[in-house]
Amino acid sequence: MKPQRYFLIVSSVIGLVLLLAGCDNNGGSASSAQPVATSTISVQDNAFEPAAAEVAVGETVTWNWEGSSDHNVVGDGFQSDVQSEGSFTHQFDQPGTYEYQCTLHGGMNGRVVVTSE
């Protein structure tokens, strides 16, 4: 194999590995993030902030769009419209862990932990 072709192949593989390593825009998996006691989540460009929120049973969580891109919030039993501004709310009436995502952006995941007290 010619040296230039070998260099091109190796460079392409390294670039792909680096690209894939940077695809998680939350700084880590939402399932491993430490929950923050808050009922307000910011929908930023390709990230939920915080990635994990903790609320008590009966509380309402509000997602506020603060970026410029279209996003949605889709979880088990709740779903927002695709939007680029405004907010979306959902009341959590049962304890548990609720994973959600933006279906438009892979790796844009979040989690709400609902405690009984």
C-alpha atoms as a PDB file:
ATOM      1  CA  MET A   1       0.000   0.000   0.000  1.00  0.00           C
ATOM      2  CA  LYS A   2       1.305   3.466  -0.865  1.00  0.00           C
ATOM      3  CA  PRO A   3       2.287   5.654   2.126  1.00  0.00           C
ATOM      4  CA  GLN A   4      -0.145   8.438   1.156  1.00  0.00           C
ATOM      5  CA  ARG A   5      -3.072   6.038   0.979  1.00  0.00           C
ATOM      6  CA  TYR A   6      -2.122   4.448   4.310  1.00  0.00           C
ATOM      7  CA  PHE A   7      -1.932   7.916   5.912  1.00  0.00           C
ATOM      8  CA  LEU A   8      -5.371   8.835   4.495  1.00  0.00           C
ATOM      9  CA  ILE A   9      -6.972   5.651   5.842  1.00  0.00           C
ATOM     10  CA  VAL A  10      -5.398   6.013   9.302  1.00  0.00           C
ATOM     11  CA  SER A  11      -6.360   9.702   9.469  1.00  0.00           C
ATOM     12  CA  SER A  12      -9.953   8.891   8.497  1.00  0.00           C
ATOM     13  CA  VAL A  13     -10.248   6.187  11.165  1.00  0.00           C
ATOM     14  CA  ILE A  14      -8.802   8.467  13.854  1.00  0.00           C
ATOM     15  CA  GLY A  15     -11.168  11.270  12.826  1.00  0.00           C
ATOM     16  CA  LEU A  16     -14.169   8.939  12.996  1.00  0.00           C
ATOM     17  CA  VAL A  17     -13.176   7.688  16.458  1.00  0.00           C
ATOM     18  CA  LEU A  18     -12.806  11.270  17.730  1.00  0.00           C
ATOM     19  CA  LEU A  19     -16.148  12.262  16.199  1.00  0.00           C
ATOM     20  CA  LEU A  20     -17.954   9.348  17.828  1.00  0.00           C
ATOM     21  CA  ALA A  21     -16.286  10.016  21.179  1.00  0.00           C
ATOM     22  CA  GLY A  22     -17.671  13.558  21.144  1.00  0.00           C
ATOM     23  CA  CYS A  23     -21.266  12.651  20.261  1.00  0.00           C
ATOM     24  CA  ASP A  24     -22.568  12.668  23.847  1.00  0.00           C
ATOM     25  CA  ASN A  25     -23.299  16.344  24.435  1.00  0.00           C
ATOM     26  CA  ASN A  26     -24.318  15.911  28.053  1.00  0.00           C
ATOM     27  CA  GLY A  27     -20.777  15.387  29.295  1.00  0.00           C
ATOM     28  CA  GLY A  28     -21.710  11.803  30.077  1.00  0.00           C
ATOM     29  CA  SER A  29     -24.723   9.584  30.125  1.00  0.00           C
ATOM     30  CA  ALA A  30     -27.866  10.997  31.732  1.00  0.00           C
ATOM     31  CA  SER A  31     -28.300   7.641  33.452  1.00  0.00           C
ATOM     32  CA  SER A  32     -25.005   8.159  35.296  1.00  0.00           C
ATOM     33  CA  ALA A  33     -25.438  11.874  36.079  1.00  0.00           C
ATOM     34  CA  GLN A  34     -26.063  12.819  39.712  1.00  0.00           C
ATOM     35  CA  PRO A  35     -29.651  14.178  39.962  1.00  0.00           C
ATOM     36  CA  VAL A  36     -30.063  17.857  40.823  1.00  0.00           C
ATOM     37  CA  ALA A  37     -33.025  18.894  42.997  1.00  0.00           C
ATOM     38  CA  THR A  38     -34.887  21.111  40.536  1.00  0.00           C
ATOM     39  CA  SER A  39     -38.169  21.220  38.664  1.00  0.00           C
ATOM     40  CA  THR A  40     -36.797  23.366  35.813  1.00  0.00           C
ATOM     41  CA  ILE A  41     -34.743  21.932  32.959  1.00  0.00           C
ATOM     42  CA  SER A  42     -33.116  23.992  30.237  1.00  0.00           C
ATOM     43  CA  VAL A  43     -33.386  22.665  26.679  1.00  0.00           C
ATOM     44  CA  GLN A  44     -30.168  23.924  25.159  1.00  0.00           C
ATOM     45  CA  ASP A  45     -28.686  23.200  21.774  1.00  0.00           C
ATOM     46  CA  ASN A  46     -28.096  19.454  22.018  1.00  0.00           C
ATOM     47  CA  ALA A  47     -28.157  19.158  25.821  1.00  0.00           C
ATOM     48  CA  PHE A  48     -30.604  19.110  28.715  1.00  0.00           C
ATOM     49  CA  GLU A  49     -29.354  21.047  31.738  1.00  0.00           C
ATOM     50  CA  PRO A  50     -29.286  19.480  34.195  1.00  0.00           C
ATOM     51  CA  ALA A  51     -29.111  16.057  32.560  1.00  0.00           C
ATOM     52  CA  ALA A  52     -30.763  14.523  35.640  1.00  0.00           C
ATOM     53  CA  ALA A  53     -33.353  16.227  37.857  1.00  0.00           C
ATOM     54  CA  GLU A  54     -34.951  15.072  41.103  1.00  0.00           C
ATOM     55  CA  VAL A  55     -38.460  16.056  42.212  1.00  0.00           C
ATOM     56  CA  ALA A  56     -41.042  14.793  44.706  1.00  0.00           C
ATOM     57  CA  VAL A  57     -44.228  12.965  43.708  1.00  0.00           C
ATOM     58  CA  GLY A  58     -46.846  15.427  42.489  1.00  0.00           C
ATOM     59  CA  GLU A  59     -44.377  18.056  41.307  1.00  0.00           C
ATOM     60  CA  THR A  60     -44.473  19.511  37.820  1.00  0.00           C
ATOM     61  CA  VAL A  61     -41.287  19.669  35.768  1.00  0.00           C
ATOM     62  CA  THR A  62     -40.887  22.494  33.255  1.00  0.00           C
ATOM     63  CA  TRP A  63     -38.552  22.264  30.267  1.00  0.00           C
ATOM     64  CA  ASN A  64     -37.602  25.727  28.912  1.00  0.00           C
ATOM     65  CA  TRP A  65     -36.218  26.082  25.379  1.00  0.00           C
ATOM     66  CA  GLU A  66     -33.119  28.298  25.513  1.00  0.00           C
ATOM     67  CA  GLY A  67     -31.207  27.277  22.379  1.00  0.00           C
ATOM     68  CA  SER A  68     -31.902  28.129  18.781  1.00  0.00           C
ATOM     69  CA  SER A  69     -32.562  24.639  17.363  1.00  0.00           C
ATOM     70  CA  ASP A  70     -35.757  22.609  17.248  1.00  0.00           C
ATOM     71  CA  HIS A  71     -36.045  19.996  19.999  1.00  0.00           C
ATOM     72  CA  ASN A  72     -38.645  17.844  21.686  1.00  0.00           C
ATOM     73  CA  VAL A  73     -38.952  16.002  24.988  1.00  0.00           C
ATOM     74  CA  VAL A  74     -40.151  12.400  24.680  1.00  0.00           C
ATOM     75  CA  GLY A  75     -40.440  10.035  27.630  1.00  0.00           C
ATOM     76  CA  ASP A  76     -42.608   7.198  28.872  1.00  0.00           C
ATOM     77  CA  GLY A  77     -46.041   8.818  29.241  1.00  0.00           C
ATOM     78  CA  PHE A  78     -45.147  12.348  28.111  1.00  0.00           C
ATOM     79  CA  GLN A  79     -44.192  14.092  24.882  1.00  0.00           C
ATOM     80  CA  SER A  80     -43.763  17.711  23.854  1.00  0.00           C
ATOM     81  CA  ASP A  81     -44.205  19.152  20.416  1.00  0.00           C
ATOM     82  CA  VAL A  82     -41.130  19.844  18.305  1.00  0.00           C
ATOM     83  CA  GLN A  83     -40.336  23.472  19.093  1.00  0.00           C
ATOM     84  CA  SER A  84     -37.492  25.989  19.235  1.00  0.00           C
ATOM     85  CA  GLU A  85     -38.907  28.270  21.932  1.00  0.00           C
ATOM     86  CA  GLY A  86     -41.354  28.247  24.801  1.00  0.00           C
ATOM     87  CA  SER A  87     -41.793  25.572  27.435  1.00  0.00           C
ATOM     88  CA  PHE A  88     -43.328  22.192  28.170  1.00  0.00           C
ATOM     89  CA  THR A  89     -44.585  20.885  31.512  1.00  0.00           C
ATOM     90  CA  HIS A  90     -45.403  17.469  32.904  1.00  0.00           C
ATOM     91  CA  GLN A  91     -46.629  16.486  36.372  1.00  0.00           C
ATOM     92  CA  PHE A  92     -45.098  13.324  37.840  1.00  0.00           C
ATOM     93  CA  ASP A  93     -47.616  11.479  40.036  1.00  0.00           C
ATOM     94  CA  GLN A  94     -45.731   8.226  40.631  1.00  0.00           C
ATOM     95  CA  PRO A  95     -42.270   7.662  42.124  1.00  0.00           C
ATOM     96  CA  GLY A  96     -39.656   6.224  39.801  1.00  0.00           C
ATOM     97  CA  THR A  97     -37.018   7.094  37.252  1.00  0.00           C
ATOM     98  CA  TYR A  98     -38.210   8.569  33.974  1.00  0.00           C
ATOM     99  CA  GLU A  99     -35.752   8.607  31.078  1.00  0.00           C
ATOM    100  CA  TYR A 100     -36.468  11.008  28.212  1.00  0.00           C
ATOM    101  CA  GLN A 101     -34.803  12.197  25.040  1.00  0.00           C
ATOM    102  CA  CYS A 102     -34.905  14.594  22.134  1.00  0.00           C
ATOM    103  CA  THR A 103     -35.778  12.334  19.219  1.00  0.00           C
ATOM    104  CA  LEU A 104     -34.223  14.813  16.784  1.00  0.00           C
ATOM    105  CA  HIS A 105     -30.723  14.614  18.284  1.00  0.00           C
ATOM    106  CA  GLY A 106     -29.101  11.299  19.159  1.00  0.00           C
ATOM    107  CA  GLY A 107     -27.323  11.401  22.505  1.00  0.00           C
ATOM    108  CA  MET A 108     -29.544  14.200  23.827  1.00  0.00           C
ATOM    109  CA  ASN A 109     -30.956  12.364  26.831  1.00  0.00           C
ATOM    110  CA  GLY A 110     -32.214  13.288  30.275  1.00  0.00           C
ATOM    111  CA  ARG A 111     -33.686  11.728  33.371  1.00  0.00           C
ATOM    112  CA  VAL A 112     -36.191  12.740  36.043  1.00  0.00           C
ATOM    113  CA  VAL A 113     -36.005  10.910  39.364  1.00  0.00           C
ATOM    114  CA  VAL A 114     -39.316  11.158  41.269  1.00  0.00           C
ATOM    115  CA  THR A 115     -39.083  10.465  44.982  1.00  0.00           C
ATOM    116  CA  SER A 116     -41.949   9.583  47.325  1.00  0.00           C
ATOM    117  CA  GLU A 117     -40.976  12.397  49.725  1.00  0.00           C
END
